[in-house]
Amino acid sequence: MKLINFSVNGLTRIGLLDSDHIVDLLAVNDASHFLSASDLNMLNNTINVISNWEHLHNLFKKGLDLSHEGPGRIPLNQVHLLPPMIPSTILCSGSNYLSHNQEKANADISGKEPEFFVKTGDCVIGPNQGIVYDPILTKKLDGEAELAVVIGKPGRHIEIKDSHKHIFGYTIVNDVTARDRQVRRRPDGSYWYELGRGKLFDTSAPLGPCITTSDEIPNPQDIMIRSWVNDELRQISSTSQMIWSVAELVHFFSINMTLRPGMVIITGTPSGTAWSSDEDLGGKWAGTNGMIKAKRYLQPNDTIVCEVEGIGKLSNPIII
């Protein structure tokens, strides 16, 4: 199933994405009364749904089936989608694709262990919402298409073999980056990263369009990931090219902290970022498979689209 959030008269509602329609579960319930009062209380936000998924799973499936028989189905193009969730914490793994490491100036630990940084719910925007170009913050705004893991069950020191038991599903995050804040050069010509100001800022985590439950993506290491800027193909790769797998990243981050329902782990980006075209910051173009080399960083009026197989496309304009 694919969980979404959407807006009705200014209120956020939880629903399901079903091809080119959405299913408004509350509208289905108004006609069919398949949800109890306690069930309805669990639908107040996505994290609550995730926490109660063992109970709600079959009810959501029933609501999806009932929507084919009565009210509750709305064409997707008539709906204002919101982020499918606002995670409390986004745990981020940088430099996790060999191809990305080959196109950029690497820091001391690049490719040796996951580059651990954090974003918060304050960074999150949804589908079609604007990524703010703020020239006071950065003149080198870049995007990164990433598979995002949504945690479903709590755990600490999770074994790699057990990681799948803690995953609720997957979504897309565009790890928007201020490259001129992130990449710093030492006098000897080597580089280091300032991942706080370079990564965590307003609108730096577009997330969506839905959360696909893990049963629909049985092997997260064999799905395609792409991005476009103004219809130019910038990134194309497979999650099979990750250095550390989804299971290994769940284990890695759980060493530091208890993973809780609704937390998100983003898993890195492949080659094709605008950084690869920026020799001043150590960029080295290494594109393949029809990718088009970026001539510049993101600017107002651009549109960036990120796609992950099995989830969908996340589109966001660049605004002032």
Protein backbone atom coordinates (compact mmCIF):
# COMPACT_ATOMS: atom_id res chain seq x y z
CA MET A 1 0.00 0.00 0.00
CA LYS A 2 0.98 3.61 -0.53
CA LEU A 3 0.15 6.02 2.32
CA ILE A 4 -0.35 9.71 1.65
CA ASN A 5 -1.34 12.90 3.42
CA PHE A 6 -3.58 15.36 1.63
CA SER A 7 -5.46 18.54 2.43
CA VAL A 8 -9.25 18.90 2.69
CA ASN A 9 -10.54 22.36 3.61
CA GLY A 10 -7.23 23.16 5.24
CA LEU A 11 -7.17 19.96 7.32
CA THR A 12 -4.67 17.14 6.89
CA ARG A 13 -6.13 13.71 6.12
CA ILE A 14 -4.50 10.32 5.72
CA GLY A 15 -5.32 8.29 2.64
CA LEU A 16 -4.01 5.81 0.14
CA LEU A 17 -2.58 6.32 -3.32
CA ASP A 18 -4.10 3.89 -5.83
CA SER A 19 -2.72 4.46 -9.32
CA ASP A 20 -4.10 7.83 -10.53
CA HIS A 21 -6.60 8.17 -7.66
CA ILE A 22 -6.39 8.72 -3.94
CA VAL A 23 -8.60 6.96 -1.41
CA ASP A 24 -10.05 9.19 1.29
CA LEU A 25 -10.47 6.68 4.11
CA LEU A 26 -12.69 9.00 6.15
CA ALA A 27 -15.05 9.47 3.20
CA VAL A 28 -15.15 5.70 2.69
CA ASN A 29 -15.92 5.28 6.38
CA ASP A 30 -18.74 7.82 6.23
CA ALA A 31 -20.47 5.53 3.74
CA SER A 32 -19.42 2.11 5.08
CA HIS A 33 -18.68 2.57 8.80
CA PHE A 34 -15.82 0.09 8.76
CA LEU A 35 -13.77 2.01 11.35
CA SER A 36 -14.53 2.16 15.08
CA ALA A 37 -14.12 5.30 17.17
CA SER A 38 -10.79 3.98 18.51
CA ASP A 39 -9.66 3.20 14.96
CA LEU A 40 -10.42 6.76 13.91
CA ASN A 41 -8.34 8.09 16.80
CA MET A 42 -5.35 6.24 15.37
CA LEU A 43 -5.63 8.19 12.12
CA ASN A 44 -4.70 11.56 13.59
CA ASN A 45 -1.20 11.46 12.05
CA THR A 46 0.99 9.15 10.00
CA ILE A 47 3.38 8.28 12.81
CA ASN A 48 0.43 7.09 14.89
CA VAL A 49 -0.71 4.98 11.94
CA ILE A 50 2.77 3.47 11.62
CA SER A 51 2.88 2.70 15.35
CA ASN A 52 -0.49 0.90 15.12
CA TRP A 53 0.01 -0.71 11.72
CA GLU A 54 -0.45 -4.29 12.87
CA HIS A 55 -4.01 -3.37 13.85
CA LEU A 56 -4.69 -0.95 10.99
CA HIS A 57 -3.21 -2.87 8.08
CA ASN A 58 -6.26 -4.99 7.31
CA LEU A 59 -8.60 -2.05 7.90
CA PHE A 60 -6.71 0.05 5.35
CA LYS A 61 -6.92 -2.83 2.90
CA LYS A 62 -10.66 -3.07 3.54
CA GLY A 63 -11.04 0.66 2.99
CA LEU A 64 -9.16 0.37 -0.30
CA ASP A 65 -11.47 -2.46 -1.43
CA LEU A 66 -14.60 -0.58 -0.35
CA SER A 67 -13.53 2.52 -2.27
CA HIS A 68 -14.13 0.66 -5.53
CA GLU A 69 -17.79 0.20 -4.57
CA GLY A 70 -18.76 3.66 -3.34
CA PRO A 71 -17.52 7.16 -2.47
CA GLY A 72 -14.01 8.00 -1.38
CA ARG A 73 -12.01 7.88 -4.60
CA ILE A 74 -10.69 11.21 -5.92
CA PRO A 75 -8.57 11.76 -9.06
CA LEU A 76 -5.00 12.48 -8.01
CA ASN A 77 -4.85 15.64 -10.09
CA GLN A 78 -7.68 17.11 -8.01
CA VAL A 79 -5.89 16.64 -4.69
CA HIS A 80 -3.32 18.78 -2.87
CA LEU A 81 -0.74 16.31 -1.59
CA LEU A 82 1.19 17.07 1.59
CA PRO A 83 4.32 15.34 2.89
CA PRO A 84 3.18 11.81 3.79
CA MET A 85 4.73 12.37 7.22
CA ILE A 86 6.79 14.84 9.20
CA PRO A 87 9.54 12.75 10.77
CA SER A 88 11.01 13.81 14.07
CA THR A 89 14.48 12.91 12.87
CA ILE A 90 16.05 12.24 9.48
CA LEU A 91 19.25 10.23 9.87
CA CYS A 92 21.44 10.76 6.82
CA SER A 93 24.13 8.65 5.23
CA GLY A 94 26.41 10.60 2.92
CA SER A 95 28.84 9.27 0.30
CA ASN A 96 27.06 5.91 0.02
CA TYR A 97 27.36 5.39 -3.76
CA LEU A 98 30.70 4.68 -5.42
CA SER A 99 29.68 6.72 -8.47
CA HIS A 100 28.97 9.81 -6.35
CA ASN A 101 32.33 9.45 -4.58
CA GLN A 102 34.05 9.37 -7.97
CA GLU A 103 32.52 12.69 -9.05
CA LYS A 104 33.38 14.83 -6.03
CA ALA A 105 36.00 15.98 -3.59
CA ASN A 106 35.96 13.42 -0.81
CA ALA A 107 36.40 14.03 2.89
CA ASP A 108 38.57 11.94 5.20
CA ILE A 109 35.95 9.24 5.89
CA SER A 110 34.20 9.22 2.49
CA GLY A 111 33.64 5.61 1.44
CA LYS A 112 35.15 4.29 4.66
CA GLU A 113 32.06 4.60 6.83
CA PRO A 114 28.68 6.28 6.38
CA GLU A 115 28.93 10.06 6.73
CA PHE A 116 26.51 10.62 9.60
CA PHE A 117 24.51 13.85 9.66
CA VAL A 118 20.97 14.82 10.63
CA LYS A 119 18.03 16.75 9.25
CA THR A 120 14.82 17.48 11.13
CA GLY A 121 11.12 17.78 10.40
CA ASP A 122 11.63 21.54 10.11
CA CYS A 123 13.36 20.91 6.76
CA VAL A 124 10.50 18.88 5.27
CA ILE A 125 8.25 20.03 2.44
CA GLY A 126 5.88 17.99 0.29
CA PRO A 127 5.26 17.33 -3.39
CA ASN A 128 5.15 20.44 -5.59
CA GLN A 129 6.10 22.73 -2.71
CA GLY A 130 8.90 25.21 -3.39
CA ILE A 131 12.54 24.74 -2.47
CA VAL A 132 13.67 28.22 -1.43
CA TYR A 133 16.69 29.68 -3.19
CA ASP A 134 18.24 31.94 -0.54
CA PRO A 135 21.37 33.66 -1.91
CA ILE A 136 22.37 34.78 1.58
CA LEU A 137 22.63 31.11 2.57
CA THR A 138 24.00 29.67 -0.69
CA LYS A 139 24.66 30.40 -4.33
CA LYS A 140 25.34 26.70 -5.01
CA LEU A 141 22.02 24.97 -4.31
CA ASP A 142 22.08 21.31 -5.32
CA GLY A 143 19.68 18.37 -5.19
CA GLU A 144 20.15 14.66 -4.47
CA ALA A 145 17.58 11.93 -5.15
CA GLU A 146 17.59 9.40 -2.30
CA LEU A 147 15.72 6.29 -1.19
CA ALA A 148 14.41 6.94 2.32
CA VAL A 149 13.69 4.22 4.87
CA VAL A 150 10.75 4.73 7.26
CA ILE A 151 11.17 3.00 10.61
CA GLY A 152 8.16 1.01 11.83
CA LYS A 153 9.26 -0.70 15.04
CA PRO A 154 11.58 0.60 17.76
CA GLY A 155 14.98 -0.92 18.35
CA ARG A 156 18.53 -0.30 19.51
CA HIS A 157 21.64 -2.22 18.44
CA ILE A 158 19.64 -3.91 15.70
CA GLU A 159 21.40 -6.82 14.02
CA ILE A 160 21.79 -6.55 10.26
CA LYS A 161 19.83 -9.79 9.79
CA ASP A 162 16.92 -8.30 11.78
CA SER A 163 16.87 -4.86 10.17
CA HIS A 164 13.92 -5.68 7.89
CA LYS A 165 11.72 -6.30 10.94
CA HIS A 166 12.03 -2.63 11.90
CA ILE A 167 11.23 -1.12 8.48
CA PHE A 168 7.70 0.09 7.82
CA GLY A 169 8.26 1.26 4.29
CA TYR A 170 10.06 3.59 1.92
CA THR A 171 9.69 7.07 0.52
CA ILE A 172 11.77 9.59 -1.44
CA VAL A 173 13.79 12.43 0.05
CA ASN A 174 15.59 15.07 -2.00
CA ASP A 175 18.65 15.85 0.11
CA VAL A 176 18.88 19.51 -0.93
CA THR A 177 22.36 20.84 -0.20
CA ALA A 178 24.17 24.17 0.02
CA ARG A 179 27.43 23.05 -1.60
CA ASP A 180 29.36 26.23 -0.83
CA ARG A 181 28.48 25.76 2.85
CA GLN A 182 29.22 22.03 2.82
CA VAL A 183 32.53 21.69 0.99
CA ARG A 184 35.59 23.32 2.59
CA ARG A 185 39.17 23.22 1.33
CA ARG A 186 42.24 23.00 3.54
CA PRO A 187 45.51 24.79 2.72
CA ASP A 188 47.04 21.47 1.60
CA GLY A 189 44.32 21.03 -1.04
CA SER A 190 42.36 18.35 0.80
CA TYR A 191 38.67 18.80 1.69
CA TRP A 192 36.40 18.55 4.69
CA TYR A 193 32.63 18.85 5.00
CA GLU A 194 30.57 21.18 7.17
CA LEU A 195 27.41 19.09 7.15
CA GLY A 196 25.42 21.25 9.57
CA ARG A 197 25.00 24.47 7.60
CA GLY A 198 25.45 22.65 4.31
CA LYS A 199 22.55 20.27 4.83
CA LEU A 200 20.09 21.49 7.46
CA PHE A 201 18.05 24.52 6.42
CA ASP A 202 14.51 25.51 5.44
CA THR A 203 13.02 23.39 2.60
CA SER A 204 16.12 21.15 2.41
CA ALA A 205 14.17 17.87 2.70
CA PRO A 206 11.37 17.49 0.15
CA LEU A 207 9.68 14.19 1.06
CA GLY A 208 7.04 12.12 -0.72
CA PRO A 209 4.87 11.63 -2.63
CA CYS A 210 3.86 8.60 -0.55
CA ILE A 211 5.19 5.94 1.78
CA THR A 212 5.23 2.54 0.09
CA THR A 213 4.93 -0.25 2.63
CA SER A 214 7.84 -2.67 2.78
CA ASP A 215 5.85 -5.63 1.48
CA GLU A 216 5.67 -3.86 -1.91
CA ILE A 217 9.47 -3.40 -2.04
CA PRO A 218 10.80 -6.78 -0.90
CA ASN A 219 14.35 -6.03 -2.08
CA PRO A 220 15.36 -2.39 -1.55
CA GLN A 221 18.79 -3.16 -3.08
CA ASP A 222 17.40 -3.67 -6.56
CA ILE A 223 15.39 -0.60 -7.52
CA MET A 224 16.10 2.26 -9.92
CA ILE A 225 16.67 5.85 -8.83
CA ARG A 226 16.61 8.87 -11.15
CA SER A 227 16.41 12.64 -11.12
CA TRP A 228 15.75 15.35 -13.68
CA VAL A 229 16.23 19.12 -13.67
CA ASN A 230 14.03 20.91 -16.19
CA ASP A 231 13.44 17.54 -17.93
CA GLU A 232 17.20 16.90 -18.30
CA LEU A 233 18.23 13.52 -16.91
CA ARG A 234 20.78 14.20 -14.17
CA GLN A 235 20.91 10.95 -12.20
CA ILE A 236 20.22 7.33 -13.06
CA SER A 237 21.41 4.38 -11.02
CA SER A 238 20.32 1.40 -8.98
CA THR A 239 20.28 0.98 -5.22
CA SER A 240 22.43 -2.10 -5.89
CA GLN A 241 25.29 0.39 -6.18
CA MET A 242 25.11 1.42 -2.53
CA ILE A 243 28.27 0.86 -0.48
CA TRP A 244 26.26 0.14 2.67
CA SER A 245 22.91 -1.57 2.22
CA VAL A 246 19.63 -0.50 3.80
CA ALA A 247 20.00 -3.28 6.37
CA GLU A 248 23.54 -2.18 7.22
CA LEU A 249 22.45 1.44 7.63
CA VAL A 250 19.61 0.48 10.00
CA HIS A 251 22.17 -1.41 12.08
CA PHE A 252 24.68 1.47 11.89
CA PHE A 253 22.30 4.19 13.06
CA SER A 254 20.79 1.99 15.77
CA ILE A 255 24.18 1.83 17.47
CA ASN A 256 23.89 5.54 18.28
CA MET A 257 20.25 5.81 19.23
CA THR A 258 16.99 3.97 19.57
CA LEU A 259 15.22 3.97 16.23
CA ARG A 260 11.54 4.79 16.69
CA PRO A 261 8.44 4.60 14.48
CA GLY A 262 8.38 7.48 12.06
CA MET A 263 12.11 8.13 12.02
CA VAL A 264 13.59 8.25 8.52
CA ILE A 265 16.98 7.12 7.23
CA ILE A 266 18.14 8.51 3.89
CA THR A 267 20.59 6.32 2.07
CA GLY A 268 22.78 8.49 -0.15
CA THR A 269 22.69 9.59 -3.77
CA PRO A 270 24.35 8.39 -6.97
CA SER A 271 26.41 10.48 -9.40
CA GLY A 272 25.00 13.31 -11.48
CA THR A 273 24.75 16.15 -8.97
CA ALA A 274 25.66 19.67 -10.04
CA TRP A 275 28.66 19.37 -7.72
CA SER A 276 30.27 17.10 -10.33
CA SER A 277 30.52 20.08 -12.71
CA ASP A 278 32.08 22.41 -10.14
CA GLU A 279 35.86 22.11 -10.38
CA ASP A 280 36.30 24.84 -7.76
CA LEU A 281 34.78 22.44 -5.20
CA GLY A 282 36.62 19.38 -6.49
CA GLY A 283 33.93 18.17 -8.90
CA LYS A 284 34.81 15.58 -11.55
CA TRP A 285 32.06 14.75 -14.06
CA ALA A 286 31.55 10.98 -14.31
CA GLY A 287 28.11 10.66 -15.91
CA THR A 288 26.89 7.63 -17.88
CA ASN A 289 23.65 6.15 -19.27
CA GLY A 290 22.43 9.29 -21.03
CA MET A 291 22.90 11.63 -18.06
CA ILE A 292 23.22 15.32 -18.97
CA LYS A 293 25.99 17.27 -17.26
CA ALA A 294 24.73 20.19 -15.19
CA LYS A 295 25.81 23.58 -16.53
CA ARG A 296 25.03 25.29 -13.22
CA TYR A 297 23.46 24.82 -9.80
CA LEU A 298 19.72 25.09 -9.14
CA GLN A 299 18.16 28.51 -9.77
CA PRO A 300 14.69 30.05 -9.27
CA ASN A 301 12.14 28.74 -11.80
CA ASP A 302 13.92 25.40 -12.15
CA THR A 303 12.06 22.19 -11.34
CA ILE A 304 13.76 19.12 -9.90
CA VAL A 305 12.08 15.70 -10.07
CA CYS A 306 13.30 12.69 -8.10
CA GLU A 307 12.05 9.18 -8.87
CA VAL A 308 12.48 5.91 -7.01
CA GLU A 309 11.04 2.74 -8.51
CA GLY A 310 8.06 1.41 -6.56
CA ILE A 311 7.39 4.77 -4.89
CA GLY A 312 6.83 7.37 -7.59
CA LYS A 313 8.06 10.84 -8.49
CA LEU A 314 8.70 13.81 -6.19
CA SER A 315 8.62 17.13 -8.03
CA ASN A 316 9.56 20.52 -6.55
CA PRO A 317 10.08 23.95 -8.10
CA ILE A 318 12.85 26.29 -7.02
CA ILE A 319 11.43 29.56 -5.70
CA ILE A 320 12.72 32.80 -4.21
